[in-house]
């Protein structure tokens, strides 16, 4: 039952995490390249290296932020309710 109650909270927190990750990526990309905007894969005037580097950095930042947000939300939920909302490792 608690997992069902956690889902709406988890979704809201994930959306916030996506927004934060987007802002973080923008700042990191500006530091790396000096450009205000990261290249898109279909921009003709951008090199393969630039496009793939931007995608790699963006993926790493989004993955890190998502994991941190999800873990923090689950930990907070556990502290409030006394039940872990996610999966538990099987100890065979």
N, C-alpha and C. Protein backbone atom coordinates (compact mmCIF):
# COMPACT_ATOMS: atom_id res chain seq x y z
N UNK A 1 0.83 -1.20 0.00
CA UNK A 1 0.00 0.00 0.00
C UNK A 1 0.87 1.26 0.00
N UNK A 2 1.94 1.25 0.79
CA UNK A 2 2.80 2.43 0.85
C UNK A 2 3.47 2.72 -0.47
N UNK A 3 3.77 1.68 -1.27
CA UNK A 3 4.38 1.90 -2.57
C UNK A 3 3.42 2.68 -3.48
N UNK A 4 2.14 2.40 -3.37
CA UNK A 4 1.14 3.11 -4.17
C UNK A 4 1.06 4.57 -3.72
N UNK A 5 1.13 4.82 -2.44
CA UNK A 5 1.09 6.19 -1.93
C UNK A 5 2.36 6.97 -2.31
N UNK A 6 3.46 6.26 -2.46
CA UNK A 6 4.73 6.91 -2.78
C UNK A 6 4.80 7.34 -4.25
N UNK A 7 4.11 6.67 -5.13
CA UNK A 7 4.22 6.94 -6.57
C UNK A 7 3.97 8.39 -6.95
N UNK A 8 2.86 9.03 -6.51
CA UNK A 8 2.66 10.43 -6.90
C UNK A 8 3.77 11.34 -6.38
N UNK A 9 4.22 11.10 -5.18
CA UNK A 9 5.33 11.88 -4.62
C UNK A 9 6.60 11.65 -5.43
N UNK A 10 6.87 10.40 -5.77
CA UNK A 10 8.04 10.07 -6.55
C UNK A 10 8.03 10.73 -7.92
N UNK A 11 6.86 10.77 -8.55
CA UNK A 11 6.75 11.41 -9.87
C UNK A 11 7.00 12.91 -9.78
N UNK A 12 6.43 13.54 -8.77
CA UNK A 12 6.62 14.99 -8.60
C UNK A 12 8.08 15.32 -8.34
N UNK A 13 8.73 14.52 -7.52
CA UNK A 13 10.13 14.74 -7.21
C UNK A 13 10.99 14.50 -8.46
N UNK A 14 10.62 13.52 -9.27
CA UNK A 14 11.36 13.25 -10.50
C UNK A 14 11.28 14.40 -11.50
N UNK A 15 10.13 15.01 -11.60
CA UNK A 15 9.97 16.17 -12.48
C UNK A 15 10.86 17.30 -12.01
N UNK A 16 10.87 17.55 -10.72
CA UNK A 16 11.74 18.58 -10.17
C UNK A 16 13.20 18.24 -10.44
N UNK A 17 13.55 16.98 -10.30
CA UNK A 17 14.91 16.55 -10.58
C UNK A 17 15.29 16.78 -12.03
N UNK A 18 14.38 16.55 -12.96
CA UNK A 18 14.64 16.80 -14.37
C UNK A 18 14.92 18.26 -14.65
N UNK A 19 14.16 19.12 -14.01
CA UNK A 19 14.37 20.57 -14.17
C UNK A 19 15.74 20.96 -13.62
N UNK A 20 16.05 20.47 -12.44
CA UNK A 20 17.36 20.78 -11.83
C UNK A 20 18.51 20.24 -12.67
N UNK A 21 18.35 19.03 -13.20
CA UNK A 21 19.39 18.44 -14.03
C UNK A 21 19.60 19.24 -15.31
N UNK A 22 18.52 19.73 -15.90
CA UNK A 22 18.63 20.55 -17.09
C UNK A 22 19.40 21.83 -16.84
N UNK A 23 19.12 22.45 -15.71
CA UNK A 23 19.84 23.68 -15.36
C UNK A 23 21.31 23.39 -15.07
N UNK A 24 21.57 22.30 -14.36
CA UNK A 24 22.95 21.92 -14.05
C UNK A 24 23.72 21.63 -15.33
N UNK A 25 23.09 20.90 -16.26
CA UNK A 25 23.76 20.60 -17.52
C UNK A 25 24.09 21.88 -18.28
N UNK A 26 23.15 22.81 -18.31
CA UNK A 26 23.41 24.08 -18.99
C UNK A 26 24.63 24.79 -18.44
N UNK A 27 24.76 24.81 -17.13
CA UNK A 27 25.91 25.46 -16.50
C UNK A 27 27.21 24.70 -16.77
N UNK A 28 27.16 23.38 -16.68
CA UNK A 28 28.36 22.58 -16.93
C UNK A 28 28.78 22.72 -18.39
N UNK A 29 27.82 22.69 -19.31
CA UNK A 29 28.16 22.82 -20.72
C UNK A 29 28.80 24.18 -21.00
N UNK A 30 28.28 25.21 -20.36
CA UNK A 30 28.85 26.55 -20.54
C UNK A 30 30.31 26.58 -20.06
N UNK A 31 30.60 25.90 -18.95
CA UNK A 31 31.97 25.84 -18.43
C UNK A 31 32.89 25.04 -19.36
N UNK A 32 32.37 23.94 -19.88
CA UNK A 32 33.18 23.07 -20.74
C UNK A 32 33.49 23.73 -22.08
N UNK A 33 32.47 24.30 -22.69
CA UNK A 33 32.61 24.74 -24.07
C UNK A 33 32.65 26.25 -24.26
N UNK A 34 32.12 26.97 -23.31
CA UNK A 34 32.00 28.42 -23.48
C UNK A 34 30.73 28.82 -24.22
N UNK A 35 30.02 27.83 -24.79
CA UNK A 35 28.76 28.11 -25.50
C UNK A 35 27.60 28.13 -24.52
N UNK A 36 26.64 28.98 -24.81
CA UNK A 36 25.44 29.05 -23.97
C UNK A 36 24.51 27.88 -24.22
N UNK A 37 24.51 27.38 -25.43
CA UNK A 37 23.61 26.30 -25.81
C UNK A 37 24.41 25.06 -26.21
N UNK A 38 23.96 23.92 -25.74
CA UNK A 38 24.59 22.66 -26.14
C UNK A 38 24.14 22.31 -27.55
N UNK A 39 24.97 21.62 -28.29
CA UNK A 39 24.58 21.25 -29.65
C UNK A 39 23.51 20.17 -29.66
N UNK A 40 22.68 20.21 -30.68
CA UNK A 40 21.72 19.13 -30.90
C UNK A 40 22.31 18.21 -31.96
N UNK A 41 21.89 16.96 -31.98
CA UNK A 41 22.47 16.00 -32.93
C UNK A 41 22.29 16.39 -34.41
N UNK A 42 21.31 17.22 -34.71
CA UNK A 42 21.05 17.56 -36.11
C UNK A 42 21.59 18.91 -36.53
N UNK A 43 22.36 19.57 -35.67
CA UNK A 43 22.96 20.84 -36.06
C UNK A 43 24.12 20.58 -37.02
N UNK A 44 24.01 21.10 -38.22
CA UNK A 44 25.00 20.83 -39.26
C UNK A 44 26.37 21.42 -38.92
N UNK A 45 26.39 22.56 -38.26
CA UNK A 45 27.66 23.26 -38.01
C UNK A 45 28.39 22.75 -36.76
N UNK A 46 27.91 21.70 -36.14
CA UNK A 46 28.56 21.13 -34.95
C UNK A 46 29.23 19.82 -35.31
N UNK A 47 30.36 19.55 -34.68
CA UNK A 47 31.12 18.33 -34.99
C UNK A 47 30.53 17.13 -34.25
N UNK A 48 30.91 15.94 -34.71
CA UNK A 48 30.52 14.71 -34.03
C UNK A 48 31.02 14.74 -32.58
N UNK A 49 32.24 15.19 -32.41
CA UNK A 49 32.84 15.22 -31.07
C UNK A 49 32.02 16.08 -30.13
N UNK A 50 31.65 17.27 -30.58
CA UNK A 50 30.84 18.18 -29.75
C UNK A 50 29.50 17.55 -29.39
N UNK A 51 28.83 17.00 -30.39
CA UNK A 51 27.50 16.43 -30.18
C UNK A 51 27.56 15.25 -29.22
N UNK A 52 28.52 14.36 -29.43
CA UNK A 52 28.62 13.17 -28.57
C UNK A 52 29.10 13.52 -27.16
N UNK A 53 29.98 14.50 -27.04
CA UNK A 53 30.41 14.94 -25.72
C UNK A 53 29.24 15.55 -24.95
N UNK A 54 28.46 16.38 -25.63
CA UNK A 54 27.30 17.00 -24.97
C UNK A 54 26.31 15.93 -24.51
N UNK A 55 26.06 14.94 -25.35
CA UNK A 55 25.13 13.87 -24.99
C UNK A 55 25.65 13.06 -23.80
N UNK A 56 26.95 12.81 -23.78
CA UNK A 56 27.55 12.05 -22.68
C UNK A 56 27.45 12.81 -21.37
N UNK A 57 27.81 14.07 -21.40
CA UNK A 57 27.75 14.90 -20.18
C UNK A 57 26.31 15.03 -19.70
N UNK A 58 25.40 15.26 -20.64
CA UNK A 58 23.99 15.40 -20.27
C UNK A 58 23.46 14.11 -19.64
N UNK A 59 23.78 12.97 -20.24
CA UNK A 59 23.33 11.69 -19.70
C UNK A 59 23.87 11.43 -18.31
N UNK A 60 25.15 11.74 -18.11
CA UNK A 60 25.76 11.53 -16.80
C UNK A 60 25.10 12.41 -15.74
N UNK A 61 24.87 13.67 -16.08
CA UNK A 61 24.25 14.59 -15.11
C UNK A 61 22.83 14.16 -14.81
N UNK A 62 22.05 13.84 -15.83
CA UNK A 62 20.67 13.42 -15.59
C UNK A 62 20.62 12.13 -14.78
N UNK A 63 21.50 11.18 -15.07
CA UNK A 63 21.54 9.94 -14.30
C UNK A 63 21.89 10.17 -12.85
N UNK A 64 22.88 11.01 -12.61
CA UNK A 64 23.30 11.33 -11.25
C UNK A 64 22.19 12.02 -10.47
N UNK A 65 21.58 13.03 -11.08
CA UNK A 65 20.52 13.77 -10.39
C UNK A 65 19.31 12.86 -10.14
N UNK A 66 18.94 12.05 -11.12
CA UNK A 66 17.81 11.15 -10.93
C UNK A 66 18.06 10.18 -9.78
N UNK A 67 19.24 9.59 -9.75
CA UNK A 67 19.56 8.65 -8.67
C UNK A 67 19.55 9.34 -7.31
N UNK A 68 20.11 10.53 -7.24
CA UNK A 68 20.15 11.27 -5.97
C UNK A 68 18.75 11.66 -5.52
N UNK A 69 17.92 12.13 -6.44
CA UNK A 69 16.55 12.53 -6.10
C UNK A 69 15.73 11.32 -5.68
N UNK A 70 15.82 10.24 -6.46
CA UNK A 70 15.06 9.03 -6.12
C UNK A 70 15.48 8.46 -4.77
N UNK A 71 16.77 8.41 -4.54
CA UNK A 71 17.27 7.86 -3.28
C UNK A 71 16.87 8.76 -2.10
N UNK A 72 17.01 10.06 -2.28
CA UNK A 72 16.62 10.99 -1.23
C UNK A 72 15.13 10.92 -0.92
N UNK A 73 14.32 10.82 -1.97
CA UNK A 73 12.87 10.71 -1.76
C UNK A 73 12.49 9.43 -1.03
N UNK A 74 13.13 8.32 -1.42
CA UNK A 74 12.84 7.05 -0.76
C UNK A 74 13.30 7.06 0.70
N UNK A 75 14.45 7.66 0.94
CA UNK A 75 14.97 7.75 2.31
C UNK A 75 14.05 8.61 3.17
N UNK A 76 13.63 9.74 2.63
CA UNK A 76 12.71 10.61 3.37
C UNK A 76 11.38 9.93 3.65
N UNK A 77 10.86 9.22 2.65
CA UNK A 77 9.61 8.50 2.82
C UNK A 77 9.75 7.42 3.88
N UNK A 78 10.88 6.73 3.89
CA UNK A 78 11.15 5.69 4.89
C UNK A 78 11.18 6.30 6.29
N UNK A 79 11.81 7.45 6.43
CA UNK A 79 11.88 8.10 7.74
C UNK A 79 10.50 8.56 8.22
N UNK A 80 9.66 9.01 7.29
CA UNK A 80 8.32 9.48 7.66
C UNK A 80 7.36 8.33 7.98
N UNK A 81 7.43 7.25 7.20
CA UNK A 81 6.45 6.18 7.33
C UNK A 81 6.98 4.92 8.00
N UNK A 82 8.31 4.77 8.02
CA UNK A 82 8.89 3.55 8.56
C UNK A 82 8.90 2.40 7.58
N UNK A 83 8.52 2.67 6.30
CA UNK A 83 8.53 1.63 5.28
C UNK A 83 9.29 2.12 4.06
N UNK A 84 10.16 1.25 3.55
CA UNK A 84 10.93 1.57 2.35
C UNK A 84 10.00 1.42 1.14
N UNK A 85 9.89 2.44 0.29
CA UNK A 85 8.94 2.38 -0.82
C UNK A 85 9.45 1.65 -2.05
N UNK A 86 10.70 1.31 -2.09
CA UNK A 86 11.28 0.71 -3.29
C UNK A 86 11.55 -0.77 -3.12
N UNK A 87 12.37 -1.25 -4.01
CA UNK A 87 12.73 -2.66 -4.00
C UNK A 87 13.74 -2.94 -2.89
N UNK A 88 13.70 -4.18 -2.46
CA UNK A 88 14.68 -4.65 -1.48
C UNK A 88 15.44 -5.81 -2.11
N UNK A 89 16.71 -5.90 -1.80
CA UNK A 89 17.55 -6.96 -2.35
C UNK A 89 17.20 -8.29 -1.70
N UNK A 90 17.08 -9.30 -2.54
CA UNK A 90 16.83 -10.65 -2.02
C UNK A 90 18.10 -11.17 -1.39
N UNK A 91 18.00 -11.70 -0.22
CA UNK A 91 19.14 -12.26 0.50
C UNK A 91 19.01 -13.78 0.53
N UNK A 92 19.33 -14.42 -0.59
CA UNK A 92 19.21 -15.89 -0.66
C UNK A 92 20.34 -16.57 0.02
